[in-house]
C-alpha atoms as a PDB file:
ATOM      1  CA  UNK A   1       7.703  -5.341   9.293  1.00  0.00           C
ATOM      2  CA  UNK A   2       7.757  -3.131   6.211  1.00  0.00           C
ATOM      3  CA  UNK A   3       4.312  -2.097   4.943  1.00  0.00           C
ATOM      4  CA  UNK A   4       3.828  -1.262   1.252  1.00  0.00           C
ATOM      5  CA  UNK A   5       0.823   0.559  -0.167  1.00  0.00           C
ATOM      6  CA  UNK A   6      -0.080  -1.046  -3.508  1.00  0.00           C
ATOM      7  CA  UNK A   7      -1.865   1.005  -6.122  1.00  0.00           C
ATOM      8  CA  UNK A   8      -4.018  -0.796  -8.672  1.00  0.00           C
ATOM      9  CA  UNK A   9      -6.657  -0.137 -11.287  1.00  0.00           C
ATOM     10  CA  UNK A  10      -9.546  -2.614 -11.075  1.00  0.00           C
ATOM     11  CA  UNK A  11      -7.182  -5.289  -9.776  1.00  0.00           C
ATOM     12  CA  UNK A  12      -4.280  -4.646 -12.152  1.00  0.00           C
ATOM     13  CA  UNK A  13      -1.247  -3.825 -10.010  1.00  0.00           C
ATOM     14  CA  UNK A  14       0.671  -0.680 -10.914  1.00  0.00           C
ATOM     15  CA  UNK A  15       4.227  -1.726 -11.917  1.00  0.00           C
ATOM     16  CA  UNK A  16       5.624   1.059  -9.721  1.00  0.00           C
ATOM     17  CA  UNK A  17       4.026  -0.640  -6.721  1.00  0.00           C
ATOM     18  CA  UNK A  18       5.955  -3.801  -7.572  1.00  0.00           C
ATOM     19  CA  UNK A  19       9.133  -1.705  -7.539  1.00  0.00           C
ATOM     20  CA  UNK A  20       8.187  -0.377  -4.093  1.00  0.00           C
ATOM     21  CA  UNK A  21       7.672  -3.967  -2.960  1.00  0.00           C
ATOM     22  CA  UNK A  22      11.132  -4.897  -4.275  1.00  0.00           C
ATOM     23  CA  UNK A  23      12.679  -1.969  -2.386  1.00  0.00           C
ATOM     24  CA  UNK A  24      10.855  -3.009   0.786  1.00  0.00           C
ATOM     25  CA  UNK A  25      12.432  -6.464   0.603  1.00  0.00           C
ATOM     26  CA  UNK A  26      15.883  -4.829   0.789  1.00  0.00           C
ATOM     27  CA  UNK A  27      14.918  -2.978   3.989  1.00  0.00           C
ATOM     28  CA  UNK A  28      13.794  -5.882   6.121  1.00  0.00           C
ATOM     29  CA  UNK A  29      11.209  -8.514   6.637  1.00  0.00           C
ATOM     30  CA  UNK A  30       8.477  -9.428   6.809  1.00  0.00           C
ATOM     31  CA  UNK A  31       7.113  -7.346   3.933  1.00  0.00           C
ATOM     32  CA  UNK A  32       3.364  -6.824   3.932  1.00  0.00           C
ATOM     33  CA  UNK A  33       1.327  -5.281   1.127  1.00  0.00           C
ATOM     34  CA  UNK A  34      -1.878  -3.283   1.546  1.00  0.00           C
ATOM     35  CA  UNK A  35      -4.452  -2.313  -1.021  1.00  0.00           C
ATOM     36  CA  UNK A  36      -7.948  -0.907  -1.077  1.00  0.00           C
ATOM     37  CA  UNK A  37     -10.665  -2.223  -3.363  1.00  0.00           C
ATOM     38  CA  UNK A  38     -14.406  -2.505  -3.904  1.00  0.00           C
ATOM     39  CA  UNK A  39     -14.292  -6.136  -2.756  1.00  0.00           C
ATOM     40  CA  UNK A  40     -11.766  -8.906  -2.258  1.00  0.00           C
ATOM     41  CA  UNK A  41     -12.752 -10.631  -5.512  1.00  0.00           C
ATOM     42  CA  UNK A  42     -11.647  -7.546  -7.458  1.00  0.00           C
ATOM     43  CA  UNK A  43      -8.076  -7.974  -6.223  1.00  0.00           C
ATOM     44  CA  UNK A  44      -7.742 -11.754  -5.888  1.00  0.00           C
ATOM     45  CA  UNK A  45      -5.366 -11.972  -8.860  1.00  0.00           C
ATOM     46  CA  UNK A  46      -3.455  -8.933  -7.625  1.00  0.00           C
ATOM     47  CA  UNK A  47      -2.925 -10.659  -4.274  1.00  0.00           C
ATOM     48  CA  UNK A  48      -1.406 -13.655  -6.065  1.00  0.00           C
ATOM     49  CA  UNK A  49       0.905 -11.350  -8.048  1.00  0.00           C
ATOM     50  CA  UNK A  50       2.017  -9.621  -4.849  1.00  0.00           C
ATOM     51  CA  UNK A  51       2.786 -12.958  -3.208  1.00  0.00           C
ATOM     52  CA  UNK A  52       4.861 -13.930  -6.266  1.00  0.00           C
ATOM     53  CA  UNK A  53       6.792 -10.673  -5.880  1.00  0.00           C
ATOM     54  CA  UNK A  54       7.684 -11.290  -2.239  1.00  0.00           C
ATOM     55  CA  UNK A  55       4.804 -10.044  -0.109  1.00  0.00           C
ATOM     56  CA  UNK A  56       4.656 -12.159   3.023  1.00  0.00           C
ATOM     57  CA  UNK A  57       1.087 -11.000   3.660  1.00  0.00           C
ATOM     58  CA  UNK A  58      -1.487  -8.972   1.757  1.00  0.00           C
ATOM     59  CA  UNK A  59      -4.082  -6.831   3.534  1.00  0.00           C
ATOM     60  CA  UNK A  60      -7.198  -5.781   1.632  1.00  0.00           C
ATOM     61  CA  UNK A  61      -9.445  -2.940   2.745  1.00  0.00           C
ATOM     62  CA  UNK A  62     -12.697  -3.829   0.986  1.00  0.00           C
ATOM     63  CA  UNK A  63     -15.677  -1.499   0.706  1.00  0.00           C
ATOM     64  CA  UNK A  64     -18.023  -0.575  -2.177  1.00  0.00           C
ATOM     65  CA  UNK A  65     -16.925   3.053  -1.792  1.00  0.00           C
ATOM     66  CA  UNK A  66     -13.389   2.045  -2.747  1.00  0.00           C
ATOM     67  CA  UNK A  67     -14.310   1.068  -6.312  1.00  0.00           C
ATOM     68  CA  UNK A  68     -12.543   4.203  -7.542  1.00  0.00           C
ATOM     69  CA  UNK A  69      -9.410   5.998  -6.404  1.00  0.00           C
ATOM     70  CA  UNK A  70     -10.023   7.233  -2.842  1.00  0.00           C
ATOM     71  CA  UNK A  71      -6.727   8.504  -1.395  1.00  0.00           C
ATOM     72  CA  UNK A  72      -8.027   9.629   1.980  1.00  0.00           C
ATOM     73  CA  UNK A  73      -9.947   6.395   2.616  1.00  0.00           C
ATOM     74  CA  UNK A  74      -6.951   4.367   1.479  1.00  0.00           C
ATOM     75  CA  UNK A  75      -4.707   6.326   3.839  1.00  0.00           C
ATOM     76  CA  UNK A  76      -7.156   5.699   6.678  1.00  0.00           C
ATOM     77  CA  UNK A  77      -6.896   1.937   6.113  1.00  0.00           C
ATOM     78  CA  UNK A  78      -3.083   2.225   6.054  1.00  0.00           C
ATOM     79  CA  UNK A  79      -3.193   4.230   9.284  1.00  0.00           C
ATOM     80  CA  UNK A  80      -5.139   1.423  10.924  1.00  0.00           C
ATOM     81  CA  UNK A  81      -2.581  -1.156   9.755  1.00  0.00           C
ATOM     82  CA  UNK A  82       0.298   1.056  10.864  1.00  0.00           C
ATOM     83  CA  UNK A  83      -1.188   1.552  14.315  1.00  0.00           C
ATOM     84  CA  UNK A  84      -1.880  -2.142  14.855  1.00  0.00           C
ATOM     85  CA  UNK A  85       1.165  -3.642  13.126  1.00  0.00           C
ATOM     86  CA  UNK A  86       3.900  -1.172  14.139  1.00  0.00           C
ATOM     87  CA  UNK A  87       5.799  -1.263  10.824  1.00  0.00           C
ATOM     88  CA  UNK A  88       9.385  -0.010  10.712  1.00  0.00           C
ATOM     89  CA  UNK A  89       8.476   1.850   7.513  1.00  0.00           C
ATOM     90  CA  UNK A  90       5.538   2.424   5.201  1.00  0.00           C
ATOM     91  CA  UNK A  91       6.347   2.716   1.507  1.00  0.00           C
ATOM     92  CA  UNK A  92       4.449   3.528  -1.671  1.00  0.00           C
ATOM     93  CA  UNK A  93       5.350   4.068  -5.297  1.00  0.00           C
ATOM     94  CA  UNK A  94       6.764   7.518  -6.043  1.00  0.00           C
ATOM     95  CA  UNK A  95       3.836   8.339  -8.302  1.00  0.00           C
ATOM     96  CA  UNK A  96       1.352  11.183  -7.927  1.00  0.00           C
ATOM     97  CA  UNK A  97      -1.182   8.739  -6.503  1.00  0.00           C
ATOM     98  CA  UNK A  98       1.328   7.104  -4.145  1.00  0.00           C
ATOM     99  CA  UNK A  99       2.531  10.492  -2.921  1.00  0.00           C
ATOM    100  CA  UNK A 100      -1.031  11.672  -2.318  1.00  0.00           C
ATOM    101  CA  UNK A 101      -1.963   8.616  -0.261  1.00  0.00           C
ATOM    102  CA  UNK A 102       1.239   8.921   1.758  1.00  0.00           C
ATOM    103  CA  UNK A 103       0.663  12.654   2.355  1.00  0.00           C
ATOM    104  CA  UNK A 104      -2.744  11.849   3.846  1.00  0.00           C
ATOM    105  CA  UNK A 105      -1.193   9.056   5.923  1.00  0.00           C
ATOM    106  CA  UNK A 106       1.543  11.329   7.251  1.00  0.00           C
ATOM    107  CA  UNK A 107      -1.031  13.945   8.242  1.00  0.00           C
ATOM    108  CA  UNK A 108      -3.240  11.361   9.956  1.00  0.00           C
ATOM    109  CA  UNK A 109      -0.360   9.890  11.961  1.00  0.00           C
ATOM    110  CA  UNK A 110       1.453  13.215  12.474  1.00  0.00           C
ATOM    111  CA  UNK A 111       4.598  11.735  10.921  1.00  0.00           C
ATOM    112  CA  UNK A 112       7.031  13.149   8.370  1.00  0.00           C
ATOM    113  CA  UNK A 113       6.845  12.256   4.697  1.00  0.00           C
ATOM    114  CA  UNK A 114       9.741  12.087   2.256  1.00  0.00           C
ATOM    115  CA  UNK A 115       8.982  11.983  -1.479  1.00  0.00           C
ATOM    116  CA  UNK A 116      10.917  12.143  -4.716  1.00  0.00           C
ATOM    117  CA  UNK A 117      14.097  10.879  -3.032  1.00  0.00           C
ATOM    118  CA  UNK A 118      16.760   8.468  -4.223  1.00  0.00           C
END
């Protein structure tokens, strides 16, 4: 399984996250997307968009404290998914926000992080 962190703003998926999802599909399957939000209703449309773009499953970490950008909390939810799902790789968009979430995730799991690579 390839796990992809999806960044969004109030349910509107960042286009760079869709690019990360497309890259994930070239690496293997299944491809699962993960996003954090205030509640599941906030990201219902985003989940449909992710399914249209090839996500085999979408995981939502929902909590009122996640209404705004919360990189450490988002990374904690990814760490939980990574520890229970054993993904072959975890990807995120190469944006400042994606890199920050992945840096927290790498620190939490004591794993290396590669950014700004082609």
